Amino acid sequence: MKKLRANIKVYILFFITIAISLLLLLSFSSSSANEIRIGAKAPEFQLFNQNNELVSLSDYQGKNLVIYFFPKAFTPG
């Protein structure tokens, strides 16, 4: 009887693990619909530059622009 209960617990844990894995897989695969495609226009966004000034993509409309991300000196990451 104890062995049967132990087996049932193992099966339940197995099915819960499978269900959680499937939910995670589906949630990650659905986010691909928001990906930016090569050749598409960049979405509007705002960032702080190296001088701590807020700049937006629309500030550079009609100009060539290279966006380069780098960590500030002596900071983690």
PDB file of N, CA and C in Angstrom:
ATOM      1  N   MET A   1       0.828  -1.206   0.000  1.00  0.00           N
ATOM      2  CA  MET A   1       0.000   0.000   0.000  1.00  0.00           C
ATOM      3  C   MET A   1       0.866   1.261   0.000  1.00  0.00           C
ATOM      4  N   LYS A   2       1.937   1.249   0.825  1.00  0.00           N
ATOM      5  CA  LYS A   2       2.816   2.413   0.881  1.00  0.00           C
ATOM      6  C   LYS A   2       3.531   2.633  -0.454  1.00  0.00           C
ATOM      7  N   LYS A   3       3.862   1.506  -1.103  1.00  0.00           N
ATOM      8  CA  LYS A   3       4.548   1.617  -2.390  1.00  0.00           C
ATOM      9  C   LYS A   3       3.613   2.210  -3.439  1.00  0.00           C
ATOM     10  N   LEU A   4       2.337   1.846  -3.388  1.00  0.00           N
ATOM     11  CA  LEU A   4       1.357   2.386  -4.322  1.00  0.00           C
ATOM     12  C   LEU A   4       1.198   3.897  -4.139  1.00  0.00           C
ATOM     13  N   ARG A   5       1.127   4.341  -2.891  1.00  0.00           N
ATOM     14  CA  ARG A   5       1.011   5.779  -2.612  1.00  0.00           C
ATOM     15  C   ARG A   5       2.254   6.528  -3.097  1.00  0.00           C
ATOM     16  N   ALA A   6       3.423   5.936  -2.897  1.00  0.00           N
ATOM     17  CA  ALA A   6       4.662   6.565  -3.357  1.00  0.00           C
ATOM     18  C   ALA A   6       4.671   6.687  -4.880  1.00  0.00           C
ATOM     19  N   ASN A   7       4.190   5.637  -5.556  1.00  0.00           N
ATOM     20  CA  ASN A   7       4.116   5.678  -7.018  1.00  0.00           C
ATOM     21  C   ASN A   7       3.135   6.744  -7.500  1.00  0.00           C
ATOM     22  N   ILE A   8       2.023   6.865  -6.822  1.00  0.00           N
ATOM     23  CA  ILE A   8       1.027   7.876  -7.194  1.00  0.00           C
ATOM     24  C   ILE A   8       1.617   9.276  -7.030  1.00  0.00           C
ATOM     25  N   LYS A   9       2.347   9.504  -5.947  1.00  0.00           N
ATOM     26  CA  LYS A   9       2.983  10.811  -5.736  1.00  0.00           C
ATOM     27  C   LYS A   9       3.985  11.106  -6.842  1.00  0.00           C
ATOM     28  N   VAL A  10       4.744  10.118  -7.251  1.00  0.00           N
ATOM     29  CA  VAL A  10       5.723  10.302  -8.330  1.00  0.00           C
ATOM     30  C   VAL A  10       5.013  10.658  -9.627  1.00  0.00           C
ATOM     31  N   TYR A  11       3.921   9.958  -9.947  1.00  0.00           N
ATOM     32  CA  TYR A  11       3.166  10.244 -11.160  1.00  0.00           C
ATOM     33  C   TYR A  11       2.566  11.651 -11.120  1.00  0.00           C
ATOM     34  N   ILE A  12       2.035  12.035  -9.992  1.00  0.00           N
ATOM     35  CA  ILE A  12       1.453  13.379  -9.862  1.00  0.00           C
ATOM     36  C   ILE A  12       2.528  14.442 -10.065  1.00  0.00           C
ATOM     37  N   LEU A  13       3.671  14.267  -9.426  1.00  0.00           N
ATOM     38  CA  LEU A  13       4.770  15.221  -9.609  1.00  0.00           C
ATOM     39  C   LEU A  13       5.236  15.262 -11.062  1.00  0.00           C
ATOM     40  N   PHE A  14       5.277  14.103 -11.696  1.00  0.00           N
ATOM     41  CA  PHE A  14       5.670  14.031 -13.102  1.00  0.00           C
ATOM     42  C   PHE A  14       4.705  14.832 -13.975  1.00  0.00           C
ATOM     43  N   PHE A  15       3.409  14.625 -13.794  1.00  0.00           N
ATOM     44  CA  PHE A  15       2.422  15.327 -14.606  1.00  0.00           C
ATOM     45  C   PHE A  15       2.402  16.828 -14.310  1.00  0.00           C
ATOM     46  N   ILE A  16       2.609  17.225 -13.082  1.00  0.00           N
ATOM     47  CA  ILE A  16       2.685  18.650 -12.746  1.00  0.00           C
ATOM     48  C   ILE A  16       3.904  19.275 -13.433  1.00  0.00           C
ATOM     49  N   THR A  17       5.023  18.566 -13.412  1.00  0.00           N
ATOM     50  CA  THR A  17       6.233  19.064 -14.073  1.00  0.00           C
ATOM     51  C   THR A  17       6.013  19.215 -15.571  1.00  0.00           C
ATOM     52  N   ILE A  18       5.377  18.256 -16.197  1.00  0.00           N
ATOM     53  CA  ILE A  18       5.083  18.330 -17.626  1.00  0.00           C
ATOM     54  C   ILE A  18       4.150  19.500 -17.920  1.00  0.00           C
ATOM     55  N   ALA A  19       3.128  19.696 -17.097  1.00  0.00           N
ATOM     56  CA  ALA A  19       2.175  20.789 -17.311  1.00  0.00           C
ATOM     57  C   ALA A  19       2.861  22.142 -17.192  1.00  0.00           C
ATOM     58  N   ILE A  20       3.704  22.317 -16.197  1.00  0.00           N
ATOM     59  CA  ILE A  20       4.427  23.585 -16.025  1.00  0.00           C
ATOM     60  C   ILE A  20       5.378  23.815 -17.190  1.00  0.00           C
ATOM     61  N   SER A  21       6.053  22.764 -17.630  1.00  0.00           N
ATOM     62  CA  SER A  21       6.965  22.884 -18.767  1.00  0.00           C
ATOM     63  C   SER A  21       6.228  23.312 -20.026  1.00  0.00           C
ATOM     64  N   LEU A  22       5.069  22.733 -20.265  1.00  0.00           N
ATOM     65  CA  LEU A  22       4.286  23.117 -21.438  1.00  0.00           C
ATOM     66  C   LEU A  22       3.805  24.562 -21.357  1.00  0.00           C
ATOM     67  N   LEU A  23       3.376  24.977 -20.184  1.00  0.00           N
ATOM     68  CA  LEU A  23       2.942  26.372 -20.021  1.00  0.00           C
ATOM     69  C   LEU A  23       4.085  27.344 -20.275  1.00  0.00           C
ATOM     70  N   LEU A  24       5.261  27.033 -19.755  1.00  0.00           N
ATOM     71  CA  LEU A  24       6.422  27.896 -19.996  1.00  0.00           C
ATOM     72  C   LEU A  24       6.791  27.927 -21.469  1.00  0.00           C
ATOM     73  N   LEU A  25       6.768  26.780 -22.111  1.00  0.00           N
ATOM     74  CA  LEU A  25       7.085  26.714 -23.535  1.00  0.00           C
ATOM     75  C   LEU A  25       6.110  27.550 -24.351  1.00  0.00           C
ATOM     76  N   LEU A  26       4.838  27.444 -24.049  1.00  0.00           N
ATOM     77  CA  LEU A  26       3.826  28.217 -24.780  1.00  0.00           C
ATOM     78  C   LEU A  26       3.959  29.709 -24.516  1.00  0.00           C
ATOM     79  N   SER A  27       4.309  30.097 -23.306  1.00  0.00           N
ATOM     80  CA  SER A  27       4.425  31.523 -23.015  1.00  0.00           C
ATOM     81  C   SER A  27       5.633  32.132 -23.724  1.00  0.00           C
ATOM     82  N   PHE A  28       6.717  31.379 -23.845  1.00  0.00           N
ATOM     83  CA  PHE A  28       7.890  31.904 -24.547  1.00  0.00           C
ATOM     84  C   PHE A  28       7.693  31.918 -26.051  1.00  0.00           C
ATOM     85  N   SER A  29       6.979  30.950 -26.587  1.00  0.00           N
ATOM     86  CA  SER A  29       6.785  30.904 -28.032  1.00  0.00           C
ATOM     87  C   SER A  29       5.805  31.977 -28.487  1.00  0.00           C
ATOM     88  N   SER A  30       4.868  32.391 -27.647  1.00  0.00           N
ATOM     89  CA  SER A  30       3.903  33.418 -28.051  1.00  0.00           C
ATOM     90  C   SER A  30       4.537  34.800 -28.070  1.00  0.00           C
ATOM     91  N   SER A  31       5.646  35.007 -27.361  1.00  0.00           N
ATOM     92  CA  SER A  31       6.286  36.323 -27.351  1.00  0.00           C
ATOM     93  C   SER A  31       7.030  36.609 -28.647  1.00  0.00           C
ATOM     94  N   SER A  32       7.225  35.592 -29.496  1.00  0.00           N
ATOM     95  CA  SER A  32       7.945  35.806 -30.748  1.00  0.00           C
ATOM     96  C   SER A  32       7.135  36.666 -31.724  1.00  0.00           C
ATOM     97  N   ALA A  33       5.842  36.844 -31.483  1.00  0.00           N
ATOM     98  CA  ALA A  33       5.021  37.673 -32.363  1.00  0.00           C
ATOM     99  C   ALA A  33       5.412  39.138 -32.253  1.00  0.00           C
ATOM    100  N   ASN A  34       6.072  39.548 -31.171  1.00  0.00           N
ATOM    101  CA  ASN A  34       6.465  40.933 -30.982  1.00  0.00           C
ATOM    102  C   ASN A  34       7.911  41.200 -31.385  1.00  0.00           C
ATOM    103  N   GLU A  35       8.562  40.243 -32.002  1.00  0.00           N
ATOM    104  CA  GLU A  35       9.951  40.418 -32.393  1.00  0.00           C
ATOM    105  C   GLU A  35      10.059  41.444 -33.511  1.00  0.00           C
ATOM    106  N   ILE A  36      11.180  42.145 -33.534  1.00  0.00           N
ATOM    107  CA  ILE A  36      11.466  43.083 -34.615  1.00  0.00           C
ATOM    108  C   ILE A  36      12.125  42.299 -35.733  1.00  0.00           C
ATOM    109  N   ARG A  37      11.645  42.457 -36.927  1.00  0.00           N
ATOM    110  CA  ARG A  37      12.185  41.727 -38.062  1.00  0.00           C
ATOM    111  C   ARG A  37      13.233  42.573 -38.780  1.00  0.00           C
ATOM    112  N   ILE A  38      14.159  41.906 -39.427  1.00  0.00           N
ATOM    113  CA  ILE A  38      15.207  42.590 -40.192  1.00  0.00           C
ATOM    114  C   ILE A  38      14.554  43.440 -41.265  1.00  0.00           C
ATOM    115  N   GLY A  39      14.975  44.689 -41.353  1.00  0.00           N
ATOM    116  CA  GLY A  39      14.442  45.610 -42.344  1.00  0.00           C
ATOM    117  C   GLY A  39      13.223  46.385 -41.874  1.00  0.00           C
ATOM    118  N   ALA A  40      12.654  46.014 -40.735  1.00  0.00           N
ATOM    119  CA  ALA A  40      11.478  46.716 -40.209  1.00  0.00           C
ATOM    120  C   ALA A  40      11.919  47.991 -39.492  1.00  0.00           C
ATOM    121  N   LYS A  41      11.016  48.941 -39.398  1.00  0.00           N
ATOM    122  CA  LYS A  41      11.309  50.168 -38.665  1.00  0.00           C
ATOM    123  C   LYS A  41      11.384  49.875 -37.175  1.00  0.00           C
ATOM    124  N   ALA A  42      12.301  50.559 -36.514  1.00  0.00           N
ATOM    125  CA  ALA A  42      12.452  50.383 -35.066  1.00  0.00           C
ATOM    126  C   ALA A  42      11.263  51.017 -34.352  1.00  0.00           C
ATOM    127  N   PRO A  43      10.800  50.420 -33.279  1.00  0.00           N
ATOM    128  CA  PRO A  43       9.703  51.027 -32.523  1.00  0.00           C
ATOM    129  C   PRO A  43      10.188  52.264 -31.776  1.00  0.00           C
ATOM    130  N   GLU A  44       9.286  53.165 -31.488  1.00  0.00           N
ATOM    131  CA  GLU A  44       9.638  54.381 -30.740  1.00  0.00           C
ATOM    132  C   GLU A  44      10.055  54.005 -29.321  1.00  0.00           C
ATOM    133  N   PHE A  45      11.137  54.608 -28.843  1.00  0.00           N
ATOM    134  CA  PHE A  45      11.591  54.363 -27.479  1.00  0.00           C
ATOM    135  C   PHE A  45      12.350  55.577 -26.978  1.00  0.00           C
ATOM    136  N   GLN A  46      12.538  55.633 -25.664  1.00  0.00           N
ATOM    137  CA  GLN A  46      13.304  56.695 -25.018  1.00  0.00           C
ATOM    138  C   GLN A  46      14.354  56.071 -24.115  1.00  0.00           C
ATOM    139  N   LEU A  47      15.554  56.662 -24.116  1.00  0.00           N
ATOM    140  CA  LEU A  47      16.662  56.193 -23.280  1.00  0.00           C
ATOM    141  C   LEU A  47      17.443  57.388 -22.769  1.00  0.00           C
ATOM    142  N   PHE A  48      18.177  57.157 -21.705  1.00  0.00           N
ATOM    143  CA  PHE A  48      19.091  58.182 -21.221  1.00  0.00           C
ATOM    144  C   PHE A  48      20.441  57.989 -21.896  1.00  0.00           C
ATOM    145  N   ASN A  49      21.054  59.093 -22.360  1.00  0.00           N
ATOM    146  CA  ASN A  49      22.366  58.988 -22.980  1.00  0.00           C
ATOM    147  C   ASN A  49      23.460  59.085 -21.920  1.00  0.00           C
ATOM    148  N   GLN A  50      24.708  59.141 -22.377  1.00  0.00           N
ATOM    149  CA  GLN A  50      25.838  59.163 -21.446  1.00  0.00           C
ATOM    150  C   GLN A  50      25.874  60.424 -20.585  1.00  0.00           C
ATOM    151  N   ASN A  51      25.150  61.459 -20.972  1.00  0.00           N
ATOM    152  CA  ASN A  51      25.083  62.697 -20.195  1.00  0.00           C
ATOM    153  C   ASN A  51      23.820  62.762 -19.336  1.00  0.00           C
ATOM    154  N   ASN A  52      23.150  61.637 -19.204  1.00  0.00           N
ATOM    155  CA  ASN A  52      21.922  61.513 -18.421  1.00  0.00           C
ATOM    156  C   ASN A  52      20.786  62.389 -18.963  1.00  0.00           C
ATOM    157  N   GLU A  53      20.779  62.588 -20.280  1.00  0.00           N
ATOM    158  CA  GLU A  53      19.712  63.333 -20.952  1.00  0.00           C
ATOM    159  C   GLU A  53      18.781  62.329 -21.628  1.00  0.00           C
ATOM    160  N   LEU A  54      17.489  62.553 -21.504  1.00  0.00           N
ATOM    161  CA  LEU A  54      16.512  61.671 -22.121  1.00  0.00           C
ATOM    162  C   LEU A  54      16.417  61.990 -23.609  1.00  0.00           C
ATOM    163  N   VAL A  55      16.685  60.990 -24.435  1.00  0.00           N
ATOM    164  CA  VAL A  55      16.574  61.149 -25.885  1.00  0.00           C
ATOM    165  C   VAL A  55      15.625  60.087 -26.408  1.00  0.00           C
ATOM    166  N   SER A  56      14.964  60.389 -27.513  1.00  0.00           N
ATOM    167  CA  SER A  56      14.046  59.418 -28.100  1.00  0.00           C
ATOM    168  C   SER A  56      14.433  59.180 -29.548  1.00  0.00           C
ATOM    169  N   LEU A  57      13.961  58.097 -30.085  1.00  0.00           N
ATOM    170  CA  LEU A  57      14.268  57.763 -31.469  1.00  0.00           C
ATOM    171  C   LEU A  57      13.748  58.832 -32.418  1.00  0.00           C
ATOM    172  N   SER A  58      12.612  59.421 -32.117  1.00  0.00           N
ATOM    173  CA  SER A  58      12.029  60.438 -33.000  1.00  0.00           C
ATOM    174  C   SER A  58      12.877  61.709 -33.064  1.00  0.00           C
ATOM    175  N   ASP A  59      13.777  61.925 -32.095  1.00  0.00           N
ATOM    176  CA  ASP A  59      14.677  63.074 -32.151  1.00  0.00           C
ATOM    177  C   ASP A  59      15.625  62.995 -33.347  1.00  0.00           C
ATOM    178  N   TYR A  60      15.822  61.796 -33.851  1.00  0.00           N
ATOM    179  CA  TYR A  60      16.779  61.580 -34.938  1.00  0.00           C
ATOM    180  C   TYR A  60      16.094  61.161 -36.235  1.00  0.00           C
ATOM    181  N   GLN A  61      14.815  61.463 -36.352  1.00  0.00           N
ATOM    182  CA  GLN A  61      14.059  61.075 -37.539  1.00  0.00           C
ATOM    183  C   GLN A  61      14.672  61.709 -38.781  1.00  0.00           C
ATOM    184  N   GLY A  62      14.858  60.914 -39.820  1.00  0.00           N
ATOM    185  CA  GLY A  62      15.422  61.395 -41.076  1.00  0.00           C
ATOM    186  C   GLY A  62      16.943  61.419 -41.090  1.00  0.00           C
ATOM    187  N   LYS A  63      17.582  61.020 -40.004  1.00  0.00           N
ATOM    188  CA  LYS A  63      19.044  61.000 -39.921  1.00  0.00           C
ATOM    189  C   LYS A  63      19.523  59.567 -39.787  1.00  0.00           C
ATOM    190  N   ASN A  64      20.771  59.327 -40.198  1.00  0.00           N
ATOM    191  CA  ASN A  64      21.373  58.024 -39.962  1.00  0.00           C
ATOM    192  C   ASN A  64      21.724  57.934 -38.487  1.00  0.00           C
ATOM    193  N   LEU A  65      21.500  56.779 -37.897  1.00  0.00           N
ATOM    194  CA  LEU A  65      21.689  56.643 -36.464  1.00  0.00           C
ATOM    195  C   LEU A  65      22.260  55.264 -36.146  1.00  0.00           C
ATOM    196  N   VAL A  66      23.284  55.240 -35.310  1.00  0.00           N
ATOM    197  CA  VAL A  66      23.823  53.993 -34.791  1.00  0.00           C
ATOM    198  C   VAL A  66      23.591  54.010 -33.295  1.00  0.00           C
ATOM    199  N   ILE A  67      22.966  52.968 -32.784  1.00  0.00           N
ATOM    200  CA  ILE A  67      22.701  52.874 -31.353  1.00  0.00           C
ATOM    201  C   ILE A  67      23.664  51.841 -30.786  1.00  0.00           C
ATOM    202  N   TYR A  68      24.444  52.266 -29.816  1.00  0.00           N
ATOM    203  CA  TYR A  68      25.475  51.409 -29.233  1.00  0.00           C
ATOM    204  C   TYR A  68      25.253  51.352 -27.736  1.00  0.00           C
ATOM    205  N   PHE A  69      25.084  50.159 -27.200  1.00  0.00           N
ATOM    206  CA  PHE A  69      24.870  49.970 -25.777  1.00  0.00           C
ATOM    207  C   PHE A  69      26.166  49.471 -25.152  1.00  0.00           C
ATOM    208  N   PHE A  70      26.549  50.084 -24.044  1.00  0.00           N
ATOM    209  CA  PHE A  70      27.742  49.623 -23.331  1.00  0.00           C
ATOM    210  C   PHE A  70      27.570  49.931 -21.859  1.00  0.00           C
ATOM    211  N   PRO A  71      28.217  49.141 -20.995  1.00  0.00           N
ATOM    212  CA  PRO A  71      28.101  49.424 -19.564  1.00  0.00           C
ATOM    213  C   PRO A  71      28.960  50.628 -19.194  1.00  0.00           C
ATOM    214  N   LYS A  72      28.484  51.436 -18.280  1.00  0.00           N
ATOM    215  CA  LYS A  72      29.239  52.579 -17.789  1.00  0.00           C
ATOM    216  C   LYS A  72      30.482  52.064 -17.063  1.00  0.00           C
ATOM    217  N   ALA A  73      31.573  52.802 -17.129  1.00  0.00           N
ATOM    218  CA  ALA A  73      32.844  52.371 -16.547  1.00  0.00           C
ATOM    219  C   ALA A  73      32.695  52.059 -15.057  1.00  0.00           C
ATOM    220  N   PHE A  74      33.305  50.974 -14.647  1.00  0.00           N
ATOM    221  CA  PHE A  74      33.370  50.533 -13.251  1.00  0.00           C
ATOM    222  C   PHE A  74      31.986  50.223 -12.664  1.00  0.00           C
ATOM    223  N   THR A  75      31.070  49.785 -13.519  1.00  0.00           N
ATOM    224  CA  THR A  75      29.767  49.336 -13.021  1.00  0.00           C
ATOM    225  C   THR A  75      29.604  47.864 -13.366  1.00  0.00           C
ATOM    226  N   PRO A  76      28.847  47.127 -12.586  1.00  0.00           N
ATOM    227  CA  PRO A  76      28.652  45.714 -12.908  1.00  0.00           C
ATOM    228  C   PRO A  76      27.779  45.543 -14.137  1.00  0.00           C
ATOM    229  N   GLY A  77      28.036  44.516 -14.884  1.00  0.00           N
ATOM    230  CA  GLY A  77      27.204  44.185 -16.038  1.00  0.00           C
ATOM    231  C   GLY A  77      27.648  44.846 -17.244  1.00  0.00           C
TER     232      GLY A  77
END
